């Protein structure tokens, strides 16, 4: 899948990508490198971000409902106002991540 000129696929290099407002519903982004990416207002509903590298990514107001973020690196990511209802963040790295006003209803934060 091509979104905003970027190839959206497992293990993709999306470092510093501008994906503001992108519809990434059900996207397979396993192991993707998305460090510094701008995902403000993006729809990542049910996206598979297992082992993804999202260090310093901006996920402000992103919809991550039922997303898979197992073992994802969200170090210093901005999740302000993000929707993470039912998201699986098992073993996710959340050190210094901003989660102000994020909706973590039913999110799995085991070992995160």
Protein backbone atom coordinates (compact mmCIF):
# COMPACT_ATOMS: atom_id res chain seq x y z
CA UNK A 1 0.00 0.00 0.00
CA UNK A 2 1.29 3.48 -0.88
CA UNK A 3 0.22 6.37 1.38
CA UNK A 4 1.42 9.96 0.91
CA UNK A 5 4.18 8.60 -1.34
CA UNK A 6 5.42 6.13 1.30
CA UNK A 7 5.40 2.35 0.91
CA UNK A 8 3.47 0.99 3.90
CA UNK A 9 4.66 -2.55 4.60
CA UNK A 10 6.39 -4.71 7.18
CA UNK A 11 9.97 -3.59 7.94
CA UNK A 12 9.51 -0.35 5.98
CA UNK A 13 11.88 2.54 6.68
CA UNK A 14 9.56 5.45 7.45
CA UNK A 15 12.04 7.50 9.44
CA UNK A 16 10.77 11.10 9.72
CA UNK A 17 7.86 10.29 7.36
CA UNK A 18 5.01 12.79 7.14
CA UNK A 19 1.91 10.65 7.59
CA UNK A 20 -0.33 13.28 9.18
CA UNK A 21 -3.98 12.26 8.86
CA UNK A 22 -3.10 9.09 6.92
CA UNK A 23 -5.55 6.17 6.90
CA UNK A 24 -3.43 3.20 7.96
CA UNK A 25 -6.33 1.02 9.11
CA UNK A 26 -5.25 -2.66 9.27
CA UNK A 27 -1.74 -1.77 8.01
CA UNK A 28 1.02 -4.36 8.43
CA UNK A 29 3.90 -2.37 9.89
CA UNK A 30 5.63 -5.17 11.80
CA UNK A 31 9.22 -4.13 12.47
CA UNK A 32 8.81 -0.82 10.63
CA UNK A 33 11.26 1.96 11.48
CA UNK A 34 9.15 5.07 12.09
CA UNK A 35 11.48 7.09 14.29
CA UNK A 36 10.56 10.78 14.25
CA UNK A 37 7.55 10.14 11.99
CA UNK A 38 4.63 12.56 12.12
CA UNK A 39 1.47 10.49 12.59
CA UNK A 40 -0.68 13.29 14.00
CA UNK A 41 -4.39 12.50 13.46
CA UNK A 42 -3.50 9.24 11.65
CA UNK A 43 -5.92 6.32 11.74
CA UNK A 44 -4.01 3.21 12.83
CA UNK A 45 -7.05 1.18 13.87
CA UNK A 46 -6.09 -2.51 14.08
CA UNK A 47 -2.64 -1.75 12.60
CA UNK A 48 0.06 -4.28 13.41
CA UNK A 49 3.01 -2.34 14.81
CA UNK A 50 4.64 -5.28 16.59
CA UNK A 51 8.38 -4.60 17.03
CA UNK A 52 7.98 -1.21 15.32
CA UNK A 53 10.45 1.57 16.13
CA UNK A 54 8.44 4.71 16.96
CA UNK A 55 11.03 6.57 19.02
CA UNK A 56 10.29 10.33 18.98
CA UNK A 57 7.24 9.78 16.73
CA UNK A 58 4.34 12.24 16.99
CA UNK A 59 1.10 10.31 17.45
CA UNK A 60 -0.94 13.25 18.75
CA UNK A 61 -4.66 12.46 18.37
CA UNK A 62 -3.84 9.26 16.46
CA UNK A 63 -6.45 6.51 16.54
CA UNK A 64 -4.74 3.28 17.64
CA UNK A 65 -7.92 1.41 18.60
CA UNK A 66 -7.19 -2.33 18.81
CA UNK A 67 -3.69 -1.78 17.39
CA UNK A 68 -0.93 -4.31 18.03
CA UNK A 69 2.08 -2.58 19.61
CA UNK A 70 3.74 -5.58 21.26
CA UNK A 71 7.46 -4.97 21.84
CA UNK A 72 7.18 -1.59 20.06
CA UNK A 73 9.68 1.15 20.92
CA UNK A 74 7.69 4.28 21.83
CA UNK A 75 10.54 5.94 23.72
CA UNK A 76 9.90 9.71 23.82
CA UNK A 77 6.87 9.33 21.52
CA UNK A 78 4.05 11.86 21.80
CA UNK A 79 0.73 10.09 22.39
CA UNK A 80 -1.14 13.17 23.63
CA UNK A 81 -4.91 12.71 23.09
CA UNK A 82 -4.27 9.41 21.27
CA UNK A 83 -6.98 6.74 21.29
CA UNK A 84 -5.56 3.38 22.38
CA UNK A 85 -8.81 1.61 23.28
CA UNK A 86 -8.14 -2.14 23.40
CA UNK A 87 -4.59 -1.71 22.07
CA UNK A 88 -2.00 -4.35 22.96
CA UNK A 89 1.13 -2.67 24.32
CA UNK A 90 2.62 -5.82 25.87
CA UNK A 91 6.33 -5.20 26.58
CA UNK A 92 6.21 -1.85 24.73
CA UNK A 93 8.95 0.64 25.64
CA UNK A 94 7.17 3.74 26.95
CA UNK A 95 10.05 5.49 28.72
CA UNK A 96 9.54 9.27 28.51
CA UNK A 97 6.52 8.83 26.21
CA UNK A 98 3.87 11.53 26.60
CA UNK A 99 0.44 10.02 27.20
CA UNK A 100 -1.40 13.14 28.39
CA UNK A 101 -5.17 12.65 27.98
CA UNK A 102 -4.65 9.43 25.97
CA UNK A 103 -7.54 6.95 26.16
CA UNK A 104 -6.07 3.65 27.37
CA UNK A 105 -9.42 1.98 28.10
CA UNK A 106 -8.96 -1.83 28.02
CA UNK A 107 -5.39 -1.44 26.70
CA UNK A 108 -3.00 -4.24 27.63
CA UNK A 109 0.07 -2.72 29.29
CA UNK A 110 1.57 -5.98 30.58
CA UNK A 111 5.31 -5.50 31.18
CA UNK A 112 5.21 -2.13 29.40
